[in-house]
Structures are given as structure tokens and as C-alpha cells.
Amino acid sequence: MAEFSNEERAAMRARAAELRAAKGLKGAAKAAKELEDCINAIDALEGVDRDVATLLHRVVAEEAPDLAPKTWYGFPTYAKDGKTIVYYQPSTKFKARYGNIAFEDSSALDDGNMWPISFAVVAVTDEAEQRVRDLVRRAVG
């Protein structure tokens, strides 16, 4: 039987807490709570992780305002019709070398028989911002 790392267990606890916090909430109250949770998740980050998560949050608000901010396993996440489209996985979450902006299969990034869905971001630059903008626009179709 595989054992989960401390980081993986923490992510599972975060997801359970997210589900408990949203229980019974509907409509505008649920959306407000999920936005608050997303902002809190970003605010809890430091350094490049915070910079990238802030960039993603701003880009989604500007390029795809119909995506709903929330958290998913503690990650700042953006969804459409309840399905995750894009999220930021900070490097600190699993002690990784870099954080990732990742897209789920409900995004519209399909390109032939093979395409990338996760992008390492080590610095917020004009070039990185433009790439994120292009990807978010494509992802929402």
C-alpha cells in the first residue's frame, strides 16, 4: 500500500476543509466564500509563488471574468460550470523547484495528438504574462 507524504495528506485535508466550508452555501454566498478562500490562498504564499498566483488571478479576471475563483486542494483555482479550468500549484506545496500554472482537461488547449497542460513559472515577466494571457484565453475557448 502506498503511503502519502505529509504534503499530500495536507492537500487532502485542505480539500476536505474546502468541501465542509462550502456545505450549505449557494449562489452569491458560495461565490463570495470561494473568492475569499482563493484570495486567502494567494495571500498565504510568499515570493515567486505569490507573484505568479497574483498574476494568474489578475489575468483570469481580465481575460476570462466568467471563470469562478475558488480553491482546490488549497490551490488558487478558476472554474467554469463547476469544472476546474486552471489553477496554480505553488512550489512550496510539495517542496518543488518551481510552481506550475496547470490546466485541467476541461480547458480548450487541445492541439493535435499532444499538448502541454502545465507550465513552470520561475519569474513574472512581461513575456510570461503574455503567455499566461494567451493560454487563459485559449483555455476558455
N, C-alpha and C. Protein backbone atom coordinates (compact mmCIF):
# COMPACT_ATOMS: atom_id res chain seq x y z
N MET A 1 0.85 -1.17 0.00
CA MET A 1 0.00 0.00 0.00
C MET A 1 0.89 1.24 0.00
N ALA A 2 0.59 2.16 -0.87
CA ALA A 2 1.38 3.39 -0.98
C ALA A 2 1.06 4.32 0.19
N GLU A 3 2.09 4.95 0.68
CA GLU A 3 1.90 5.91 1.76
C GLU A 3 1.94 7.31 1.16
N PHE A 4 1.10 8.19 1.70
CA PHE A 4 1.07 9.57 1.24
C PHE A 4 2.10 10.38 2.02
N SER A 5 2.69 11.34 1.34
CA SER A 5 3.63 12.24 2.01
C SER A 5 2.86 13.19 2.92
N ASN A 6 3.57 13.86 3.80
CA ASN A 6 2.92 14.86 4.66
C ASN A 6 2.25 15.94 3.83
N GLU A 7 2.89 16.34 2.72
CA GLU A 7 2.34 17.37 1.86
C GLU A 7 1.04 16.88 1.18
N GLU A 8 1.05 15.62 0.74
CA GLU A 8 -0.16 15.07 0.11
C GLU A 8 -1.30 14.96 1.13
N ARG A 9 -0.98 14.54 2.34
CA ARG A 9 -2.01 14.48 3.39
C ARG A 9 -2.57 15.86 3.69
N ALA A 10 -1.70 16.87 3.72
CA ALA A 10 -2.14 18.24 3.97
C ALA A 10 -3.05 18.73 2.85
N ALA A 11 -2.73 18.38 1.61
CA ALA A 11 -3.58 18.76 0.47
C ALA A 11 -4.95 18.10 0.59
N MET A 12 -4.99 16.85 1.00
CA MET A 12 -6.27 16.16 1.17
C MET A 12 -7.09 16.79 2.30
N ARG A 13 -6.41 17.16 3.39
CA ARG A 13 -7.12 17.85 4.48
C ARG A 13 -7.65 19.20 4.01
N ALA A 14 -6.88 19.90 3.19
CA ALA A 14 -7.33 21.19 2.66
C ALA A 14 -8.57 21.01 1.80
N ARG A 15 -8.58 19.98 0.98
CA ARG A 15 -9.75 19.73 0.12
C ARG A 15 -10.98 19.40 0.96
N ALA A 16 -10.81 18.59 1.99
CA ALA A 16 -11.93 18.25 2.88
C ALA A 16 -12.46 19.51 3.56
N ALA A 17 -11.56 20.38 4.00
CA ALA A 17 -11.97 21.64 4.63
C ALA A 17 -12.72 22.53 3.65
N GLU A 18 -12.27 22.56 2.40
CA GLU A 18 -12.97 23.34 1.37
C GLU A 18 -14.40 22.86 1.19
N LEU A 19 -14.56 21.57 1.14
CA LEU A 19 -15.90 21.00 0.96
C LEU A 19 -16.79 21.29 2.17
N ARG A 20 -16.23 21.17 3.38
CA ARG A 20 -17.01 21.49 4.59
C ARG A 20 -17.41 22.96 4.62
N ALA A 21 -16.48 23.84 4.24
CA ALA A 21 -16.76 25.29 4.29
C ALA A 21 -17.85 25.70 3.31
N ALA A 22 -17.96 24.99 2.19
CA ALA A 22 -18.95 25.35 1.17
C ALA A 22 -20.30 24.67 1.40
N LYS A 23 -20.34 23.72 2.32
CA LYS A 23 -21.57 22.97 2.56
C LYS A 23 -22.71 23.91 2.96
N GLY A 24 -23.82 23.82 2.26
CA GLY A 24 -25.00 24.61 2.57
C GLY A 24 -25.00 25.99 1.92
N LEU A 25 -23.87 26.40 1.35
CA LEU A 25 -23.83 27.71 0.69
C LEU A 25 -24.30 27.56 -0.75
N LYS A 26 -25.01 28.58 -1.23
CA LYS A 26 -25.48 28.57 -2.61
C LYS A 26 -25.35 29.97 -3.18
N GLY A 27 -25.37 30.04 -4.50
CA GLY A 27 -25.43 31.31 -5.20
C GLY A 27 -24.33 32.28 -4.83
N ALA A 28 -24.75 33.53 -4.57
CA ALA A 28 -23.80 34.61 -4.29
C ALA A 28 -23.00 34.35 -3.02
N ALA A 29 -23.60 33.74 -2.01
CA ALA A 29 -22.88 33.46 -0.77
C ALA A 29 -21.74 32.46 -1.02
N LYS A 30 -22.01 31.44 -1.83
CA LYS A 30 -20.99 30.46 -2.15
C LYS A 30 -19.88 31.10 -2.98
N ALA A 31 -20.25 31.90 -3.98
CA ALA A 31 -19.26 32.57 -4.82
C ALA A 31 -18.38 33.50 -4.00
N ALA A 32 -18.98 34.24 -3.07
CA ALA A 32 -18.21 35.16 -2.22
C ALA A 32 -17.24 34.39 -1.33
N LYS A 33 -17.68 33.28 -0.75
CA LYS A 33 -16.83 32.45 0.11
C LYS A 33 -15.67 31.87 -0.70
N GLU A 34 -15.96 31.38 -1.90
CA GLU A 34 -14.91 30.79 -2.73
C GLU A 34 -13.90 31.85 -3.18
N LEU A 35 -14.35 33.05 -3.52
CA LEU A 35 -13.44 34.14 -3.87
C LEU A 35 -12.55 34.48 -2.67
N GLU A 36 -13.15 34.59 -1.49
CA GLU A 36 -12.39 34.89 -0.27
C GLU A 36 -11.33 33.82 -0.03
N ASP A 37 -11.71 32.55 -0.19
CA ASP A 37 -10.76 31.46 0.02
C ASP A 37 -9.61 31.53 -0.98
N CYS A 38 -9.92 31.86 -2.23
CA CYS A 38 -8.90 31.98 -3.27
C CYS A 38 -7.92 33.10 -2.92
N ILE A 39 -8.45 34.25 -2.56
CA ILE A 39 -7.61 35.40 -2.19
C ILE A 39 -6.75 35.04 -0.97
N ASN A 40 -7.33 34.38 0.02
CA ASN A 40 -6.57 33.97 1.21
C ASN A 40 -5.46 33.00 0.85
N ALA A 41 -5.73 32.08 -0.08
CA ALA A 41 -4.71 31.12 -0.52
C ALA A 41 -3.55 31.85 -1.19
N ILE A 42 -3.86 32.86 -1.99
CA ILE A 42 -2.81 33.65 -2.65
C ILE A 42 -2.03 34.45 -1.61
N ASP A 43 -2.75 35.10 -0.69
CA ASP A 43 -2.10 35.91 0.34
C ASP A 43 -1.18 35.09 1.25
N ALA A 44 -1.47 33.80 1.39
CA ALA A 44 -0.65 32.94 2.25
C ALA A 44 0.68 32.56 1.59
N LEU A 45 0.80 32.80 0.31
CA LEU A 45 2.03 32.46 -0.42
C LEU A 45 3.08 33.54 -0.23
N GLU A 46 4.31 33.19 -0.58
CA GLU A 46 5.42 34.14 -0.48
C GLU A 46 6.24 34.11 -1.75
N GLY A 47 6.99 35.17 -1.97
CA GLY A 47 7.96 35.23 -3.06
C GLY A 47 7.35 35.01 -4.43
N VAL A 48 8.06 34.24 -5.24
CA VAL A 48 7.64 33.99 -6.62
C VAL A 48 6.28 33.31 -6.66
N ASP A 49 6.01 32.40 -5.73
CA ASP A 49 4.70 31.74 -5.70
C ASP A 49 3.58 32.78 -5.60
N ARG A 50 3.75 33.72 -4.71
CA ARG A 50 2.72 34.76 -4.55
C ARG A 50 2.63 35.63 -5.81
N ASP A 51 3.77 35.98 -6.38
CA ASP A 51 3.78 36.79 -7.59
C ASP A 51 3.05 36.10 -8.74
N VAL A 52 3.32 34.82 -8.93
CA VAL A 52 2.70 34.09 -10.03
C VAL A 52 1.21 33.89 -9.78
N ALA A 53 0.84 33.54 -8.56
CA ALA A 53 -0.58 33.36 -8.24
C ALA A 53 -1.35 34.67 -8.41
N THR A 54 -0.73 35.77 -8.02
CA THR A 54 -1.35 37.09 -8.19
C THR A 54 -1.51 37.41 -9.67
N LEU A 55 -0.48 37.12 -10.45
CA LEU A 55 -0.55 37.33 -11.90
C LEU A 55 -1.70 36.51 -12.49
N LEU A 56 -1.77 35.24 -12.14
CA LEU A 56 -2.83 34.40 -12.69
C LEU A 56 -4.20 34.94 -12.30
N HIS A 57 -4.36 35.34 -11.06
CA HIS A 57 -5.64 35.88 -10.59
C HIS A 57 -6.04 37.12 -11.41
N ARG A 58 -5.09 38.02 -11.61
CA ARG A 58 -5.36 39.24 -12.37
C ARG A 58 -5.69 38.92 -13.83
N VAL A 59 -4.91 38.04 -14.44
CA VAL A 59 -5.13 37.68 -15.84
C VAL A 59 -6.49 37.02 -16.02
N VAL A 60 -6.85 36.12 -15.14
CA VAL A 60 -8.17 35.47 -15.25
C VAL A 60 -9.27 36.52 -15.12
N ALA A 61 -9.15 37.43 -14.17
CA ALA A 61 -10.17 38.48 -14.00
C ALA A 61 -10.31 39.33 -15.25
N GLU A 62 -9.21 39.59 -15.94
CA GLU A 62 -9.23 40.44 -17.12
C GLU A 62 -9.59 39.69 -18.40
N GLU A 63 -9.10 38.48 -18.55
CA GLU A 63 -9.26 37.74 -19.81
C GLU A 63 -10.43 36.75 -19.79
N ALA A 64 -10.81 36.29 -18.63
CA ALA A 64 -11.87 35.27 -18.53
C ALA A 64 -12.69 35.52 -17.27
N PRO A 65 -13.37 36.68 -17.19
CA PRO A 65 -14.10 37.02 -15.97
C PRO A 65 -15.25 36.07 -15.63
N ASP A 66 -15.63 35.21 -16.58
CA ASP A 66 -16.69 34.24 -16.29
C ASP A 66 -16.18 33.04 -15.51
N LEU A 67 -14.85 32.91 -15.37
CA LEU A 67 -14.31 31.82 -14.54
C LEU A 67 -14.49 32.19 -13.07
N ALA A 68 -14.90 31.23 -12.29
CA ALA A 68 -15.16 31.45 -10.87
C ALA A 68 -13.93 31.10 -10.04
N PRO A 69 -13.41 32.06 -9.25
CA PRO A 69 -12.28 31.75 -8.38
C PRO A 69 -12.72 30.89 -7.20
N LYS A 70 -11.85 29.98 -6.80
CA LYS A 70 -12.08 29.13 -5.64
C LYS A 70 -10.75 28.50 -5.25
N THR A 71 -10.76 27.59 -4.33
CA THR A 71 -9.56 26.79 -4.05
C THR A 71 -9.88 25.34 -4.36
N TRP A 72 -8.83 24.61 -4.65
CA TRP A 72 -8.95 23.19 -4.96
C TRP A 72 -7.68 22.55 -4.41
N TYR A 73 -7.83 21.74 -3.38
CA TYR A 73 -6.69 21.18 -2.65
C TYR A 73 -5.78 22.29 -2.11
N GLY A 74 -6.37 23.43 -1.82
CA GLY A 74 -5.63 24.57 -1.30
C GLY A 74 -5.00 25.45 -2.36
N PHE A 75 -5.13 25.07 -3.64
CA PHE A 75 -4.55 25.84 -4.73
C PHE A 75 -5.51 26.93 -5.18
N PRO A 76 -5.02 28.14 -5.52
CA PRO A 76 -5.87 29.12 -6.18
C PRO A 76 -6.32 28.54 -7.52
N THR A 77 -7.63 28.51 -7.73
CA THR A 77 -8.22 27.78 -8.85
C THR A 77 -9.32 28.59 -9.50
N TYR A 78 -9.55 28.34 -10.79
CA TYR A 78 -10.57 29.06 -11.54
C TYR A 78 -11.36 28.03 -12.35
N ALA A 79 -12.70 28.10 -12.21
CA ALA A 79 -13.56 27.06 -12.76
C ALA A 79 -14.67 27.66 -13.62
N LYS A 80 -15.19 26.82 -14.48
CA LYS A 80 -16.34 27.18 -15.33
C LYS A 80 -17.37 26.07 -15.16
N ASP A 81 -18.57 26.46 -14.79
CA ASP A 81 -19.65 25.49 -14.58
C ASP A 81 -19.24 24.39 -13.60
N GLY A 82 -18.49 24.78 -12.57
CA GLY A 82 -18.07 23.85 -11.54
C GLY A 82 -16.86 23.00 -11.89
N LYS A 83 -16.35 23.11 -13.11
CA LYS A 83 -15.20 22.31 -13.54
C LYS A 83 -13.95 23.17 -13.56
N THR A 84 -12.90 22.66 -12.94
CA THR A 84 -11.64 23.39 -12.90
C THR A 84 -11.09 23.56 -14.31
N ILE A 85 -10.70 24.79 -14.63
CA ILE A 85 -10.06 25.09 -15.91
C ILE A 85 -8.56 25.27 -15.70
N VAL A 86 -8.20 26.13 -14.73
CA VAL A 86 -6.79 26.44 -14.49
C VAL A 86 -6.57 26.65 -13.00
N TYR A 87 -5.38 26.30 -12.53
CA TYR A 87 -5.03 26.52 -11.13
C TYR A 87 -3.53 26.76 -11.03
N TYR A 88 -3.13 27.30 -9.89
CA TYR A 88 -1.71 27.48 -9.62
C TYR A 88 -1.30 26.55 -8.50
N GLN A 89 -0.29 25.73 -8.77
CA GLN A 89 0.29 24.83 -7.77
C GLN A 89 1.62 25.42 -7.33
N PRO A 90 1.65 26.02 -6.14
CA PRO A 90 2.89 26.67 -5.69
C PRO A 90 4.01 25.67 -5.43
N SER A 91 5.23 26.15 -5.62
CA SER A 91 6.40 25.28 -5.41
C SER A 91 6.48 24.81 -3.97
N THR A 92 6.04 25.64 -3.05
CA THR A 92 6.14 25.30 -1.62
C THR A 92 5.19 24.18 -1.22
N LYS A 93 4.15 23.95 -1.99
CA LYS A 93 3.15 22.95 -1.62
C LYS A 93 3.76 21.55 -1.52
N PHE A 94 4.63 21.21 -2.46
CA PHE A 94 5.25 19.89 -2.45
C PHE A 94 6.78 19.98 -2.48
N LYS A 95 7.29 21.12 -2.00
CA LYS A 95 8.74 21.35 -1.96
C LYS A 95 9.38 21.14 -3.32
N ALA A 96 8.73 21.67 -4.34
CA ALA A 96 9.21 21.54 -5.72
C ALA A 96 10.15 22.69 -6.07
N ARG A 97 10.84 22.54 -7.15
CA ARG A 97 11.79 23.55 -7.61
C ARG A 97 11.09 24.79 -8.15
N TYR A 98 9.90 24.62 -8.69
CA TYR A 98 9.16 25.74 -9.27
C TYR A 98 7.66 25.48 -9.16
N GLY A 99 6.89 26.56 -9.21
CA GLY A 99 5.44 26.44 -9.22
C GLY A 99 4.94 26.22 -10.64
N ASN A 100 3.70 25.77 -10.73
CA ASN A 100 3.11 25.47 -12.03
C ASN A 100 1.75 26.12 -12.20
N ILE A 101 1.53 26.70 -13.37
CA ILE A 101 0.19 27.04 -13.80
C ILE A 101 -0.27 25.84 -14.61
N ALA A 102 -1.35 25.22 -14.18
CA ALA A 102 -1.79 23.98 -14.81
C ALA A 102 -3.24 24.08 -15.26
N PHE A 103 -3.54 23.39 -16.34
CA PHE A 103 -4.87 23.39 -16.94
C PHE A 103 -5.44 21.98 -16.87
N GLU A 104 -6.70 21.88 -16.53
CA GLU A 104 -7.37 20.58 -16.46
C GLU A 104 -7.94 20.21 -17.83
N ASP A 105 -8.43 18.98 -17.94
CA ASP A 105 -8.92 18.52 -19.24
C ASP A 105 -10.19 19.22 -19.71
N SER A 106 -10.83 19.98 -18.85
CA SER A 106 -12.00 20.76 -19.26
C SER A 106 -11.60 22.06 -19.95
N SER A 107 -10.31 22.35 -20.00
CA SER A 107 -9.85 23.53 -20.74
C SER A 107 -9.78 23.19 -22.23
N ALA A 108 -9.71 24.22 -23.06
CA ALA A 108 -9.73 24.04 -24.51
C ALA A 108 -8.34 24.25 -25.11
N LEU A 109 -7.34 23.57 -24.56
CA LEU A 109 -5.98 23.72 -25.06
C LEU A 109 -5.61 22.65 -26.09
N ASP A 110 -6.53 21.77 -26.39
CA ASP A 110 -6.24 20.67 -27.31
C ASP A 110 -5.55 21.18 -28.58
N ASP A 111 -4.50 20.47 -28.98
CA ASP A 111 -3.74 20.83 -30.17
C ASP A 111 -3.13 19.58 -30.76
N GLY A 112 -3.86 18.92 -31.65
CA GLY A 112 -3.36 17.70 -32.27
C GLY A 112 -3.40 16.52 -31.33
N ASN A 113 -2.38 15.70 -31.40
CA ASN A 113 -2.33 14.48 -30.60
C ASN A 113 -1.60 14.64 -29.27
N MET A 114 -0.98 15.81 -29.06
CA MET A 114 -0.21 16.00 -27.83
C MET A 114 -0.03 17.50 -27.60
N TRP A 115 -0.21 17.94 -26.33
CA TRP A 115 -0.04 19.36 -26.00
C TRP A 115 0.28 19.49 -24.52
N PRO A 116 0.97 20.57 -24.15
CA PRO A 116 1.29 20.80 -22.74
C PRO A 116 0.07 21.31 -21.98
N ILE A 117 -0.01 20.94 -20.70
CA ILE A 117 -1.10 21.43 -19.84
C ILE A 117 -0.59 22.03 -18.54
N SER A 118 0.72 21.96 -18.31
CA SER A 118 1.30 22.50 -17.09
C SER A 118 2.54 23.30 -17.47
N PHE A 119 2.66 24.49 -16.87
CA PHE A 119 3.73 25.40 -17.24
C PHE A 119 4.48 25.88 -16.00
N ALA A 120 5.76 25.59 -15.95
CA ALA A 120 6.60 26.07 -14.85
C ALA A 120 6.80 27.56 -15.02
N VAL A 121 6.67 28.30 -13.93
CA VAL A 121 6.87 29.74 -13.96
C VAL A 121 7.84 30.09 -12.84
N VAL A 122 9.00 30.60 -13.22
CA VAL A 122 10.03 30.90 -12.23
C VAL A 122 10.17 32.40 -11.99
N ALA A 123 9.54 33.22 -12.83
CA ALA A 123 9.59 34.68 -12.65
C ALA A 123 8.42 35.31 -13.40
N VAL A 124 7.89 36.37 -12.84
CA VAL A 124 6.84 37.13 -13.52
C VAL A 124 7.52 38.18 -14.38
N THR A 125 7.41 37.99 -15.68
CA THR A 125 7.97 38.92 -16.65
C THR A 125 6.86 39.31 -17.63
N ASP A 126 7.12 40.31 -18.46
CA ASP A 126 6.14 40.69 -19.48
C ASP A 126 5.86 39.51 -20.41
N GLU A 127 6.91 38.78 -20.77
CA GLU A 127 6.76 37.62 -21.66
C GLU A 127 5.91 36.53 -20.99
N ALA A 128 6.20 36.26 -19.72
CA ALA A 128 5.41 35.25 -19.00
C ALA A 128 3.96 35.68 -18.90
N GLU A 129 3.73 36.95 -18.60
CA GLU A 129 2.35 37.44 -18.51
C GLU A 129 1.61 37.27 -19.83
N GLN A 130 2.26 37.62 -20.94
CA GLN A 130 1.60 37.48 -22.24
C GLN A 130 1.28 36.02 -22.53
N ARG A 131 2.19 35.13 -22.18
CA ARG A 131 1.96 33.69 -22.41
C ARG A 131 0.78 33.20 -21.58
N VAL A 132 0.71 33.63 -20.32
CA VAL A 132 -0.41 33.25 -19.45
C VAL A 132 -1.72 33.79 -20.03
N ARG A 133 -1.71 35.04 -20.48
CA ARG A 133 -2.92 35.62 -21.08
C ARG A 133 -3.38 34.80 -22.28
N ASP A 134 -2.46 34.45 -23.15
CA ASP A 134 -2.81 33.67 -24.34
C ASP A 134 -3.38 32.31 -23.94
N LEU A 135 -2.74 31.66 -22.97
CA LEU A 135 -3.21 30.34 -22.54
C LEU A 135 -4.59 30.41 -21.90
N VAL A 136 -4.83 31.40 -21.05
CA VAL A 136 -6.12 31.52 -20.40
C VAL A 136 -7.21 31.78 -21.43
N ARG A 137 -6.94 32.67 -22.40
CA ARG A 137 -7.93 32.93 -23.46
C ARG A 137 -8.25 31.65 -24.23
N ARG A 138 -7.23 30.90 -24.59
CA ARG A 138 -7.43 29.63 -25.32
C ARG A 138 -8.19 28.62 -24.46
N ALA A 139 -7.83 28.57 -23.19
CA ALA A 139 -8.41 27.56 -22.31
C ALA A 139 -9.92 27.69 -22.16
N VAL A 140 -10.41 28.92 -22.19
CA VAL A 140 -11.86 29.11 -22.02
C VAL A 140 -12.61 29.07 -23.34
N GLY A 141 -11.85 28.94 -24.43
CA GLY A 141 -12.47 28.79 -25.75
C GLY A 141 -12.92 30.06 -26.30
